[in-house]
Amino acid sequence: MLETPVLVPAFPRENYTGQEDYVYPRFLDRGAVQKRTDVRSRIDLQLVTMIKNARQVLAHNGITVAEKVFIMGYSSDGKFAQRFTILHPEMAAAVAAGGIAGACTLPLSEYNGENCDIR
């Protein structure tokens, strides 16, 4: 009824228990971006590829969509939505993040003298 395409990516949850170098890709934490540099290991880059592919498939079928997407998530996926939008602002029109315990990710390059730039 809405005539709006919806892309629902499913990223597997990886088990990192006991690792000293803990990285939580679904949370899109600093380690997930800094330590993983290729498209196959960075889920934010996988999502960019999925969005571009979906746009091509839809266009091939005569469906035109907006250039920017609405991204949403809850809990760790809410943090992912926030962080994805900060890393890829050219992709997102808006973000809705729920269940994030009031913790918003802010696009700061430095906080309390610590470098926060993850690009």
PDB file of N, CA and C in Angstrom:
ATOM      1  N   MET A   1       0.807  -1.188   0.000  1.00  0.00           N
ATOM      2  CA  MET A   1       0.000   0.000   0.000  1.00  0.00           C
ATOM      3  C   MET A   1       0.859   1.265   0.000  1.00  0.00           C
ATOM      4  N   LEU A   2       2.023   1.205   0.609  1.00  0.00           N
ATOM      5  CA  LEU A   2       2.883   2.379   0.668  1.00  0.00           C
ATOM      6  C   LEU A   2       3.657   2.611  -0.628  1.00  0.00           C
ATOM      7  N   GLU A   3       3.762   1.577  -1.423  1.00  0.00           N
ATOM      8  CA  GLU A   3       4.533   1.642  -2.659  1.00  0.00           C
ATOM      9  C   GLU A   3       5.947   2.170  -2.411  1.00  0.00           C
ATOM     10  N   THR A   4       6.552   1.665  -1.353  1.00  0.00           N
ATOM     11  CA  THR A   4       7.904   2.055  -0.963  1.00  0.00           C
ATOM     12  C   THR A   4       8.754   0.800  -0.808  1.00  0.00           C
ATOM     13  N   PRO A   5       9.833   0.697  -1.565  1.00  0.00           N
ATOM     14  CA  PRO A   5      10.697  -0.473  -1.393  1.00  0.00           C
ATOM     15  C   PRO A   5      11.401  -0.442  -0.040  1.00  0.00           C
ATOM     16  N   VAL A   6      11.591  -1.614   0.536  1.00  0.00           N
ATOM     17  CA  VAL A   6      12.265  -1.744   1.826  1.00  0.00           C
ATOM     18  C   VAL A   6      13.387  -2.758   1.670  1.00  0.00           C
ATOM     19  N   LEU A   7      14.576  -2.376   2.094  1.00  0.00           N
ATOM     20  CA  LEU A   7      15.732  -3.271   2.078  1.00  0.00           C
ATOM     21  C   LEU A   7      16.022  -3.664   3.522  1.00  0.00           C
ATOM     22  N   VAL A   8      15.992  -4.961   3.811  1.00  0.00           N
ATOM     23  CA  VAL A   8      16.232  -5.445   5.164  1.00  0.00           C
ATOM     24  C   VAL A   8      17.453  -6.365   5.128  1.00  0.00           C
ATOM     25  N   PRO A   9      18.639  -5.799   5.349  1.00  0.00           N
ATOM     26  CA  PRO A   9      19.842  -6.640   5.325  1.00  0.00           C
ATOM     27  C   PRO A   9      19.925  -7.483   6.598  1.00  0.00           C
ATOM     28  N   ALA A  10      20.439  -8.675   6.470  1.00  0.00           N
ATOM     29  CA  ALA A  10      20.636  -9.562   7.622  1.00  0.00           C
ATOM     30  C   ALA A  10      22.120  -9.885   7.722  1.00  0.00           C
ATOM     31  N   PHE A  11      22.773  -9.279   8.690  1.00  0.00           N
ATOM     32  CA  PHE A  11      24.195  -9.527   8.910  1.00  0.00           C
ATOM     33  C   PHE A  11      24.332 -10.553  10.025  1.00  0.00           C
ATOM     34  N   PRO A  12      25.134 -11.596   9.806  1.00  0.00           N
ATOM     35  CA  PRO A  12      25.280 -12.621  10.847  1.00  0.00           C
ATOM     36  C   PRO A  12      25.951 -12.059  12.096  1.00  0.00           C
ATOM     37  N   ARG A  13      25.525 -12.546  13.242  1.00  0.00           N
ATOM     38  CA  ARG A  13      26.150 -12.157  14.507  1.00  0.00           C
ATOM     39  C   ARG A  13      27.372 -13.045  14.706  1.00  0.00           C
ATOM     40  N   GLU A  14      28.515 -12.419  14.891  1.00  0.00           N
ATOM     41  CA  GLU A  14      29.756 -13.165  15.076  1.00  0.00           C
ATOM     42  C   GLU A  14      30.046 -13.313  16.560  1.00  0.00           C
ATOM     43  N   ASN A  15      30.675 -14.407  16.938  1.00  0.00           N
ATOM     44  CA  ASN A  15      31.017 -14.656  18.333  1.00  0.00           C
ATOM     45  C   ASN A  15      32.447 -14.207  18.596  1.00  0.00           C
ATOM     46  N   TYR A  16      32.587 -13.207  19.444  1.00  0.00           N
ATOM     47  CA  TYR A  16      33.917 -12.675  19.757  1.00  0.00           C
ATOM     48  C   TYR A  16      34.312 -12.922  21.204  1.00  0.00           C
ATOM     49  N   THR A  17      33.617 -13.784  21.890  1.00  0.00           N
ATOM     50  CA  THR A  17      33.876 -14.034  23.299  1.00  0.00           C
ATOM     51  C   THR A  17      35.322 -14.465  23.526  1.00  0.00           C
ATOM     52  N   GLY A  18      35.957 -13.814  24.493  1.00  0.00           N
ATOM     53  CA  GLY A  18      37.310 -14.204  24.876  1.00  0.00           C
ATOM     54  C   GLY A  18      38.418 -13.591  24.042  1.00  0.00           C
ATOM     55  N   GLN A  19      38.099 -12.835  23.036  1.00  0.00           N
ATOM     56  CA  GLN A  19      39.136 -12.226  22.213  1.00  0.00           C
ATOM     57  C   GLN A  19      39.611 -10.935  22.849  1.00  0.00           C
ATOM     58  N   GLU A  20      40.920 -10.740  22.848  1.00  0.00           N
ATOM     59  CA  GLU A  20      41.481  -9.501  23.374  1.00  0.00           C
ATOM     60  C   GLU A  20      41.167  -8.338  22.442  1.00  0.00           C
ATOM     61  N   ASP A  21      41.170  -8.596  21.164  1.00  0.00           N
ATOM     62  CA  ASP A  21      40.937  -7.576  20.148  1.00  0.00           C
ATOM     63  C   ASP A  21      39.463  -7.563  19.762  1.00  0.00           C
ATOM     64  N   TYR A  22      38.592  -7.286  20.720  1.00  0.00           N
ATOM     65  CA  TYR A  22      37.149  -7.369  20.519  1.00  0.00           C
ATOM     66  C   TYR A  22      36.671  -6.373  19.467  1.00  0.00           C
ATOM     67  N   VAL A  23      35.979  -6.859  18.464  1.00  0.00           N
ATOM     68  CA  VAL A  23      35.374  -6.038  17.428  1.00  0.00           C
ATOM     69  C   VAL A  23      33.933  -6.512  17.268  1.00  0.00           C
ATOM     70  N   TYR A  24      32.999  -5.581  17.236  1.00  0.00           N
ATOM     71  CA  TYR A  24      31.582  -5.926  17.105  1.00  0.00           C
ATOM     72  C   TYR A  24      31.042  -5.253  15.848  1.00  0.00           C
ATOM     73  N   PRO A  25      31.169  -5.906  14.692  1.00  0.00           N
ATOM     74  CA  PRO A  25      30.767  -5.283  13.421  1.00  0.00           C
ATOM     75  C   PRO A  25      29.328  -4.817  13.380  1.00  0.00           C
ATOM     76  N   ARG A  26      28.391  -5.546  13.982  1.00  0.00           N
ATOM     77  CA  ARG A  26      26.973  -5.153  13.930  1.00  0.00           C
ATOM     78  C   ARG A  26      26.725  -3.865  14.696  1.00  0.00           C
ATOM     79  N   PHE A  27      27.618  -3.519  15.606  1.00  0.00           N
ATOM     80  CA  PHE A  27      27.534  -2.271  16.360  1.00  0.00           C
ATOM     81  C   PHE A  27      28.238  -1.156  15.595  1.00  0.00           C
ATOM     82  N   LEU A  28      28.971  -1.552  14.559  1.00  0.00           N
ATOM     83  CA  LEU A  28      29.774  -0.642  13.741  1.00  0.00           C
ATOM     84  C   LEU A  28      30.699   0.188  14.636  1.00  0.00           C
ATOM     85  N   ASP A  29      31.384  -0.533  15.545  1.00  0.00           N
ATOM     86  CA  ASP A  29      32.296   0.143  16.461  1.00  0.00           C
ATOM     87  C   ASP A  29      33.601   0.524  15.760  1.00  0.00           C
ATOM     88  N   ARG A  30      34.459   1.231  16.476  1.00  0.00           N
ATOM     89  CA  ARG A  30      35.709   1.722  15.900  1.00  0.00           C
ATOM     90  C   ARG A  30      36.540   0.595  15.296  1.00  0.00           C
ATOM     91  N   GLY A  31      36.656  -0.522  15.998  1.00  0.00           N
ATOM     92  CA  GLY A  31      37.442  -1.649  15.495  1.00  0.00           C
ATOM     93  C   GLY A  31      36.886  -2.229  14.207  1.00  0.00           C
ATOM     94  N   ALA A  32      35.563  -2.222  14.078  1.00  0.00           N
ATOM     95  CA  ALA A  32      34.932  -2.756  12.870  1.00  0.00           C
ATOM     96  C   ALA A  32      35.255  -1.908  11.650  1.00  0.00           C
ATOM     97  N   VAL A  33      35.567  -0.647  11.871  1.00  0.00           N
ATOM     98  CA  VAL A  33      35.878   0.249  10.762  1.00  0.00           C
ATOM     99  C   VAL A  33      37.392   0.351  10.550  1.00  0.00           C
ATOM    100  N   GLN A  34      38.153   0.465  11.625  1.00  0.00           N
ATOM    101  CA  GLN A  34      39.600   0.648  11.502  1.00  0.00           C
ATOM    102  C   GLN A  34      40.345  -0.630  11.142  1.00  0.00           C
ATOM    103  N   LYS A  35      39.940  -1.746  11.719  1.00  0.00           N
ATOM    104  CA  LYS A  35      40.679  -3.002  11.535  1.00  0.00           C
ATOM    105  C   LYS A  35      40.237  -3.772  10.315  1.00  0.00           C
ATOM    106  N   ARG A  36      39.104  -3.410   9.778  1.00  0.00           N
ATOM    107  CA  ARG A  36      38.566  -4.102   8.608  1.00  0.00           C
ATOM    108  C   ARG A  36      38.431  -3.073   7.507  1.00  0.00           C
ATOM    109  N   THR A  37      39.123  -3.281   6.417  1.00  0.00           N
ATOM    110  CA  THR A  37      39.181  -2.230   5.410  1.00  0.00           C
ATOM    111  C   THR A  37      38.535  -2.596   4.076  1.00  0.00           C
ATOM    112  N   ASP A  38      38.261  -3.873   3.840  1.00  0.00           N
ATOM    113  CA  ASP A  38      37.703  -4.242   2.533  1.00  0.00           C
ATOM    114  C   ASP A  38      36.186  -4.405   2.606  1.00  0.00           C
ATOM    115  N   VAL A  39      35.550  -4.378   1.463  1.00  0.00           N
ATOM    116  CA  VAL A  39      34.086  -4.449   1.380  1.00  0.00           C
ATOM    117  C   VAL A  39      33.551  -5.719   2.028  1.00  0.00           C
ATOM    118  N   ARG A  40      34.250  -6.825   1.892  1.00  0.00           N
ATOM    119  CA  ARG A  40      33.732  -8.096   2.434  1.00  0.00           C
ATOM    120  C   ARG A  40      33.719  -8.131   3.950  1.00  0.00           C
ATOM    121  N   SER A  41      34.596  -7.400   4.620  1.00  0.00           N
ATOM    122  CA  SER A  41      34.647  -7.475   6.075  1.00  0.00           C
ATOM    123  C   SER A  41      34.015  -6.272   6.766  1.00  0.00           C
ATOM    124  N   ARG A  42      33.713  -5.212   6.029  1.00  0.00           N
ATOM    125  CA  ARG A  42      33.065  -4.034   6.631  1.00  0.00           C
ATOM    126  C   ARG A  42      31.603  -4.019   6.231  1.00  0.00           C
ATOM    127  N   ILE A  43      30.731  -4.220   7.228  1.00  0.00           N
ATOM    128  CA  ILE A  43      29.315  -4.326   6.882  1.00  0.00           C
ATOM    129  C   ILE A  43      28.709  -2.998   6.450  1.00  0.00           C
ATOM    130  N   ASP A  44      29.303  -1.874   6.835  1.00  0.00           N
ATOM    131  CA  ASP A  44      28.775  -0.604   6.335  1.00  0.00           C
ATOM    132  C   ASP A  44      28.991  -0.511   4.821  1.00  0.00           C
ATOM    133  N   LEU A  45      30.144  -0.997   4.349  1.00  0.00           N
ATOM    134  CA  LEU A  45      30.413  -0.983   2.906  1.00  0.00           C
ATOM    135  C   LEU A  45      29.558  -2.022   2.180  1.00  0.00           C
ATOM    136  N   GLN A  46      29.246  -3.126   2.865  1.00  0.00           N
ATOM    137  CA  GLN A  46      28.336  -4.114   2.283  1.00  0.00           C
ATOM    138  C   GLN A  46      26.952  -3.501   2.098  1.00  0.00           C
ATOM    139  N   LEU A  47      26.501  -2.727   3.094  1.00  0.00           N
ATOM    140  CA  LEU A  47      25.188  -2.091   2.988  1.00  0.00           C
ATOM    141  C   LEU A  47      25.172  -1.046   1.871  1.00  0.00           C
ATOM    142  N   VAL A  48      26.238  -0.284   1.711  1.00  0.00           N
ATOM    143  CA  VAL A  48      26.323   0.672   0.604  1.00  0.00           C
ATOM    144  C   VAL A  48      26.152  -0.072  -0.719  1.00  0.00           C
ATOM    145  N   THR A  49      26.837  -1.205  -0.865  1.00  0.00           N
ATOM    146  CA  THR A  49      26.740  -2.007  -2.083  1.00  0.00           C
ATOM    147  C   THR A  49      25.318  -2.540  -2.278  1.00  0.00           C
ATOM    148  N   MET A  50      24.676  -2.997  -1.198  1.00  0.00           N
ATOM    149  CA  MET A  50      23.295  -3.497  -1.287  1.00  0.00           C
ATOM    150  C   MET A  50      22.336  -2.409  -1.744  1.00  0.00           C
ATOM    151  N   ILE A  51      22.507  -1.203  -1.188  1.00  0.00           N
ATOM    152  CA  ILE A  51      21.625  -0.086  -1.554  1.00  0.00           C
ATOM    153  C   ILE A  51      21.803   0.250  -3.029  1.00  0.00           C
ATOM    154  N   LYS A  52      23.038   0.334  -3.482  1.00  0.00           N
ATOM    155  CA  LYS A  52      23.304   0.650  -4.891  1.00  0.00           C
ATOM    156  C   LYS A  52      22.747  -0.429  -5.811  1.00  0.00           C
ATOM    157  N   ASN A  53      22.906  -1.694  -5.408  1.00  0.00           N
ATOM    158  CA  ASN A  53      22.372  -2.799  -6.214  1.00  0.00           C
ATOM    159  C   ASN A  53      20.850  -2.767  -6.262  1.00  0.00           C
ATOM    160  N   ALA A  54      20.224  -2.538  -5.123  1.00  0.00           N
ATOM    161  CA  ALA A  54      18.754  -2.470  -5.077  1.00  0.00           C
ATOM    162  C   ALA A  54      18.258  -1.335  -5.959  1.00  0.00           C
ATOM    163  N   ARG A  55      18.962  -0.203  -5.925  1.00  0.00           N
ATOM    164  CA  ARG A  55      18.582   0.944  -6.759  1.00  0.00           C
ATOM    165  C   ARG A  55      18.641   0.569  -8.244  1.00  0.00           C
ATOM    166  N   GLN A  56      19.681  -0.193  -8.641  1.00  0.00           N
ATOM    167  CA  GLN A  56      19.823  -0.624 -10.039  1.00  0.00           C
ATOM    168  C   GLN A  56      18.719  -1.594 -10.441  1.00  0.00           C
ATOM    169  N   VAL A  57      18.428  -2.548  -9.577  1.00  0.00           N
ATOM    170  CA  VAL A  57      17.378  -3.531  -9.864  1.00  0.00           C
ATOM    171  C   VAL A  57      16.023  -2.834  -9.988  1.00  0.00           C
ATOM    172  N   LEU A  58      15.752  -1.923  -9.078  1.00  0.00           N
ATOM    173  CA  LEU A  58      14.483  -1.187  -9.134  1.00  0.00           C
ATOM    174  C   LEU A  58      14.394  -0.344 -10.414  1.00  0.00           C
ATOM    175  N   ALA A  59      15.486   0.350 -10.757  1.00  0.00           N
ATOM    176  CA  ALA A  59      15.500   1.162 -11.981  1.00  0.00           C
ATOM    177  C   ALA A  59      15.271   0.295 -13.210  1.00  0.00           C
ATOM    178  N   HIS A  60      15.876  -0.892 -13.226  1.00  0.00           N
ATOM    179  CA  HIS A  60      15.701  -1.824 -14.343  1.00  0.00           C
ATOM    180  C   HIS A  60      14.228  -2.221 -14.502  1.00  0.00           C
ATOM    181  N   ASN A  61      13.516  -2.210 -13.364  1.00  0.00           N
ATOM    182  CA  ASN A  61      12.093  -2.573 -13.386  1.00  0.00           C
ATOM    183  C   ASN A  61      11.181  -1.345 -13.429  1.00  0.00           C
ATOM    184  N   GLY A  62      11.758  -0.191 -13.781  1.00  0.00           N
ATOM    185  CA  GLY A  62      10.962   1.014 -13.961  1.00  0.00           C
ATOM    186  C   GLY A  62      10.555   1.720 -12.690  1.00  0.00           C
ATOM    187  N   ILE A  63      11.226   1.410 -11.586  1.00  0.00           N
ATOM    188  CA  ILE A  63      10.881   2.037 -10.305  1.00  0.00           C
ATOM    189  C   ILE A  63      11.995   3.013  -9.932  1.00  0.00           C
ATOM    190  N   THR A  64      11.631   4.264  -9.801  1.00  0.00           N
ATOM    191  CA  THR A  64      12.591   5.295  -9.429  1.00  0.00           C
ATOM    192  C   THR A  64      12.488   5.557  -7.930  1.00  0.00           C
ATOM    193  N   VAL A  65      13.621   5.598  -7.259  1.00  0.00           N
ATOM    194  CA  VAL A  65      13.640   5.867  -5.821  1.00  0.00           C
ATOM    195  C   VAL A  65      14.515   7.077  -5.547  1.00  0.00           C
ATOM    196  N   ALA A  66      14.348   7.666  -4.378  1.00  0.00           N
ATOM    197  CA  ALA A  66      15.149   8.821  -3.969  1.00  0.00           C
ATOM    198  C   ALA A  66      16.619   8.431  -3.884  1.00  0.00           C
ATOM    199  N   GLU A  67      17.468   9.402  -4.061  1.00  0.00           N
ATOM    200  CA  GLU A  67      18.907   9.166  -4.007  1.00  0.00           C
ATOM    201  C   GLU A  67      19.361   8.782  -2.603  1.00  0.00           C
ATOM    202  N   LYS A  68      18.730   9.365  -1.586  1.00  0.00           N
ATOM    203  CA  LYS A  68      19.089   9.068  -0.196  1.00  0.00           C
ATOM    204  C   LYS A  68      18.020   8.189   0.441  1.00  0.00           C
ATOM    205  N   VAL A  69      18.436   7.374   1.404  1.00  0.00           N
ATOM    206  CA  VAL A  69      17.535   6.416   2.043  1.00  0.00           C
ATOM    207  C   VAL A  69      17.230   6.822   3.478  1.00  0.00           C
ATOM    208  N   PHE A  70      16.149   6.282   3.996  1.00  0.00           N
ATOM    209  CA  PHE A  70      15.802   6.402   5.406  1.00  0.00           C
ATOM    210  C   PHE A  70      16.338   5.153   6.071  1.00  0.00           C
ATOM    211  N   ILE A  71      17.155   5.301   7.104  1.00  0.00           N
ATOM    212  CA  ILE A  71      17.739   4.144   7.773  1.00  0.00           C
ATOM    213  C   ILE A  71      17.285   4.118   9.224  1.00  0.00           C
ATOM    214  N   MET A  72      16.930   2.939   9.695  1.00  0.00           N
ATOM    215  CA  MET A  72      16.463   2.821  11.072  1.00  0.00           C
ATOM    216  C   MET A  72      17.000   1.548  11.708  1.00  0.00           C
ATOM    217  N   GLY A  73      17.015   1.547  13.027  1.00  0.00           N
ATOM    218  CA  GLY A  73      17.465   0.377  13.760  1.00  0.00           C
ATOM    219  C   GLY A  73      17.107   0.499  15.226  1.00  0.00           C
ATOM    220  N   TYR A  74      17.152  -0.626  15.920  1.00  0.00           N
ATOM    221  CA  TYR A  74      16.847  -0.670  17.343  1.00  0.00           C
ATOM    222  C   TYR A  74      17.983  -1.367  18.068  1.00  0.00           C
ATOM    223  N   SER A  75      18.366  -0.857  19.227  1.00  0.00           N
ATOM    224  CA  SER A  75      19.434  -1.394  20.053  1.00  0.00           C
ATOM    225  C   SER A  75      20.766  -1.290  19.304  1.00  0.00           C
ATOM    226  N   SER A  76      21.498  -2.388  19.164  1.00  0.00           N
ATOM    227  CA  SER A  76      22.787  -2.295  18.468  1.00  0.00           C
ATOM    228  C   SER A  76      22.582  -1.871  17.016  1.00  0.00           C
ATOM    229  N   ASP A  77      21.454  -2.240  16.429  1.00  0.00           N
ATOM    230  CA  ASP A  77      21.166  -1.815  15.064  1.00  0.00           C
ATOM    231  C   ASP A  77      20.847  -0.318  15.011  1.00  0.00           C
ATOM    232  N   GLY A  78      20.362   0.245  16.114  1.00  0.00           N
ATOM    233  CA  GLY A  78      20.169   1.688  16.208  1.00  0.00           C
ATOM    234  C   GLY A  78      21.502   2.418  16.211  1.00  0.00           C
ATOM    235  N   LYS A  79      22.473   1.858  16.935  1.00  0.00           N
ATOM    236  CA  LYS A  79      23.825   2.441  16.907  1.00  0.00           C
ATOM    237  C   LYS A  79      24.413   2.302  15.508  1.00  0.00           C
ATOM    238  N   PHE A  80      24.182   1.150  14.877  1.00  0.00           N
ATOM    239  CA  PHE A  80      24.649   0.959  13.502  1.00  0.00           C
ATOM    240  C   PHE A  80      24.051   2.039  12.604  1.00  0.00           C
ATOM    241  N   ALA A  81      22.751   2.278  12.730  1.00  0.00           N
ATOM    242  CA  ALA A  81      22.076   3.272  11.894  1.00  0.00           C
ATOM    243  C   ALA A  81      22.691   4.656  12.093  1.00  0.00           C
ATOM    244  N   GLN A  82      22.933   5.029  13.348  1.00  0.00           N
ATOM    245  CA  GLN A  82      23.565   6.319  13.632  1.00  0.00           C
ATOM    246  C   GLN A  82      24.955   6.401  13.004  1.00  0.00           C
ATOM    247  N   ARG A  83      25.750   5.399  13.268  1.00  0.00           N
ATOM    248  CA  ARG A  83      27.139   5.422  12.810  1.00  0.00           C
ATOM    249  C   ARG A  83      27.234   5.305  11.294  1.00  0.00           C
ATOM    250  N   PHE A  84      26.364   4.515  10.685  1.00  0.00           N
ATOM    251  CA  PHE A  84      26.343   4.418   9.230  1.00  0.00           C
ATOM    252  C   PHE A  84      26.066   5.793   8.628  1.00  0.00           C
ATOM    253  N   THR A  85      25.110   6.502   9.209  1.00  0.00           N
ATOM    254  CA  THR A  85      24.739   7.822   8.706  1.00  0.00           C
ATOM    255  C   THR A  85      25.886   8.821   8.845  1.00  0.00           C
ATOM    256  N   ILE A  86      26.656   8.721   9.911  1.00  0.00           N
ATOM    257  CA  ILE A  86      27.808   9.603  10.090  1.00  0.00           C
ATOM    258  C   ILE A  86      28.915   9.251   9.095  1.00  0.00           C
ATOM    259  N   LEU A  87      29.133   7.957   8.870  1.00  0.00           N
ATOM    260  CA  LEU A  87      30.179   7.533   7.930  1.00  0.00           C
ATOM    261  C   LEU A  87      29.792   7.762   6.478  1.00  0.00           C
ATOM    262  N   HIS A  88      28.503   7.689   6.184  1.00  0.00           N
ATOM    263  CA  HIS A  88      28.026   7.792   4.796  1.00  0.00           C
ATOM    264  C   HIS A  88      26.873   8.795   4.701  1.00  0.00           C
ATOM    265  N   PRO A  89      27.102  10.070   5.028  1.00  0.00           N
ATOM    266  CA  PRO A  89      26.008  11.052   5.014  1.00  0.00           C
ATOM    267  C   PRO A  89      25.400  11.247   3.625  1.00  0.00           C
ATOM    268  N   GLU A  90      26.166  10.946   2.595  1.00  0.00           N
ATOM    269  CA  GLU A  90      25.655  11.091   1.231  1.00  0.00           C
ATOM    270  C   GLU A  90      24.593  10.042   0.909  1.00  0.00           C
ATOM    271  N   MET A  91      24.481   9.004   1.735  1.00  0.00           N
ATOM    272  CA  MET A  91      23.528   7.918   1.489  1.00  0.00           C
ATOM    273  C   MET A  91      22.206   8.103   2.239  1.00  0.00           C
ATOM    274  N   ALA A  92      22.210   8.881   3.327  1.00  0.00           N
ATOM    275  CA  ALA A  92      21.059   8.909   4.224  1.00  0.00           C
ATOM    276  C   ALA A  92      20.302  10.232   4.195  1.00  0.00           C
ATOM    277  N   ALA A  93      18.984  10.129   4.057  1.00  0.00           N
ATOM    278  CA  ALA A  93      18.115  11.299   4.156  1.00  0.00           C
ATOM    279  C   ALA A  93      17.754  11.555   5.607  1.00  0.00           C
ATOM    280  N   ALA A  94      17.588  10.457   6.379  1.00  0.00           N
ATOM    281  CA  ALA A  94      17.220  10.563   7.785  1.00  0.00           C
ATOM    282  C   ALA A  94      17.562   9.256   8.484  1.00  0.00           C
ATOM    283  N   VAL A  95      17.648   9.321   9.809  1.00  0.00           N
ATOM    284  CA  VAL A  95      17.917   8.128  10.609  1.00  0.00           C
ATOM    285  C   VAL A  95      16.976   8.113  11.811  1.00  0.00           C
ATOM    286  N   ALA A  96      16.502   6.914  12.160  1.00  0.00           N
ATOM    287  CA  ALA A  96      15.709   6.722  13.368  1.00  0.00           C
ATOM    288  C   ALA A  96      16.376   5.607  14.159  1.00  0.00           C
ATOM    289  N   ALA A  97      16.778   5.917  15.367  1.00  0.00           N
ATOM    290  CA  ALA A  97      17.467   4.939  16.201  1.00  0.00           C
ATOM    291  C   ALA A  97      16.733   4.808  17.527  1.00  0.00           C
ATOM    292  N   GLY A  98      16.332   3.592  17.847  1.00  0.00           N
ATOM    293  CA  GLY A  98      15.621   3.345  19.092  1.00  0.00           C
ATOM    294  C   GLY A  98      16.395   2.396  19.986  1.00  0.00           C
ATOM    295  N   GLY A  99      16.073   2.416  21.260  1.00  0.00           N
ATOM    296  CA  GLY A  99      16.686   1.490  22.216  1.00  0.00           C
ATOM    297  C   GLY A  99      18.185   1.658  22.352  1.00  0.00           C
ATOM    298  N   ILE A 100      18.656   2.910  22.273  1.00  0.00           N
ATOM    299  CA  ILE A 100      20.101   3.144  22.351  1.00  0.00           C
ATOM    300  C   ILE A 100      20.502   3.721  23.705  1.00  0.00           C
ATOM    301  N   ALA A 101      19.605   3.625  24.686  1.00  0.00           N
ATOM    302  CA  ALA A 101      19.864   4.067  26.052  1.00  0.00           C
ATOM    303  C   ALA A 101      20.292   5.530  26.115  1.00  0.00           C
ATOM    304  N   GLY A 102      19.759   6.339  25.209  1.00  0.00           N
ATOM    305  CA  GLY A 102      20.060   7.761  25.226  1.00  0.00           C
ATOM    306  C   GLY A 102      21.454   8.128  24.772  1.00  0.00           C
ATOM    307  N   ALA A 103      22.205   7.163  24.260  1.00  0.00           N
ATOM    308  CA  ALA A 103      23.585   7.430  23.827  1.00  0.00           C
ATOM    309  C   ALA A 103      23.609   7.732  22.340  1.00  0.00           C
ATOM    310  N   CYS A 104      23.785   8.986  21.993  1.00  0.00           N
ATOM    311  CA  CYS A 104      23.850   9.388  20.591  1.00  0.00           C
ATOM    312  C   CYS A 104      25.300   9.476  20.136  1.00  0.00           C
ATOM    313  N   THR A 105      25.545   9.002  18.944  1.00  0.00           N
ATOM    314  CA  THR A 105      26.858   9.135  18.342  1.00  0.00           C
ATOM    315  C   THR A 105      26.930  10.516  17.712  1.00  0.00           C
ATOM    316  N   LEU A 106      27.980  11.261  18.039  1.00  0.00           N
ATOM    317  CA  LEU A 106      28.143  12.603  17.495  1.00  0.00           C
ATOM    318  C   LEU A 106      29.351  12.647  16.576  1.00  0.00           C
ATOM    319  N   PRO A 107      29.272  13.406  15.507  1.00  0.00           N
ATOM    320  CA  PRO A 107      30.392  13.476  14.549  1.00  0.00           C
ATOM    321  C   PRO A 107      31.510  14.391  15.037  1.00  0.00           C
ATOM    322  N   LEU A 108      32.221  13.942  16.058  1.00  0.00           N
ATOM    323  CA  LEU A 108      33.337  14.716  16.603  1.00  0.00           C
ATOM    324  C   LEU A 108      34.651  14.137  16.128  1.00  0.00           C
ATOM    325  N   SER A 109      35.609  14.996  15.853  1.00  0.00           N
ATOM    326  CA  SER A 109      36.934  14.498  15.472  1.00  0.00           C
ATOM    327  C   SER A 109      37.814  14.299  16.697  1.00  0.00           C
ATOM    328  N   GLU A 110      37.434  14.942  17.821  1.00  0.00           N
ATOM    329  CA  GLU A 110      38.221  14.808  19.054  1.00  0.00           C
ATOM    330  C   GLU A 110      37.303  14.963  20.256  1.00  0.00           C
ATOM    331  N   TYR A 111      37.585  14.184  21.320  1.00  0.00           N
ATOM    332  CA  TYR A 111      36.842  14.299  22.571  1.00  0.00           C
ATOM    333  C   TYR A 111      37.793  14.074  23.716  1.00  0.00           C
ATOM    334  N   ASN A 112      37.851  15.025  24.627  1.00  0.00           N
ATOM    335  CA  ASN A 112      38.767  14.953  25.773  1.00  0.00           C
ATOM    336  C   ASN A 112      40.194  14.624  25.356  1.00  0.00           C
ATOM    337  N   GLY A 113      40.632  15.217  24.271  1.00  0.00           N
ATOM    338  CA  GLY A 113      41.999  15.016  23.805  1.00  0.00           C
ATOM    339  C   GLY A 113      42.244  13.728  23.053  1.00  0.00           C
ATOM    340  N   GLU A 114      41.218  12.896  22.884  1.00  0.00           N
ATOM    341  CA  GLU A 114      41.375  11.627  22.154  1.00  0.00           C
ATOM    342  C   GLU A 114      40.849  11.773  20.739  1.00  0.00           C
ATOM    343  N   ASN A 115      41.610  11.278  19.771  1.00  0.00           N
ATOM    344  CA  ASN A 115      41.211  11.328  18.373  1.00  0.00           C
ATOM    345  C   ASN A 115      40.037  10.374  18.155  1.00  0.00           C
ATOM    346  N   CYS A 116      38.935  10.898  17.663  1.00  0.00           N
ATOM    347  CA  CYS A 116      37.727  10.096  17.410  1.00  0.00           C
ATOM    348  C   CYS A 116      37.510   9.829  15.934  1.00  0.00           C
ATOM    349  N   ASP A 117      38.360  10.340  15.081  1.00  0.00           N
ATOM    350  CA  ASP A 117      38.179  10.188  13.638  1.00  0.00           C
ATOM    351  C   ASP A 117      38.407   8.738  13.252  1.00  0.00           C
ATOM    352  N   ILE A 118      37.357   8.044  12.775  1.00  0.00           N
ATOM    353  CA  ILE A 118      37.495   6.625  12.444  1.00  0.00           C
ATOM    354  C   ILE A 118      37.612   6.376  10.955  1.00  0.00           C
ATOM    355  N   ARG A 119      37.623   7.410  10.152  1.00  0.00           N
ATOM    356  CA  ARG A 119      37.761   7.208   8.709  1.00  0.00           C
ATOM    357  C   ARG A 119      39.192   6.969   8.352  1.00  0.00           C
TER     358      ARG A 119
END
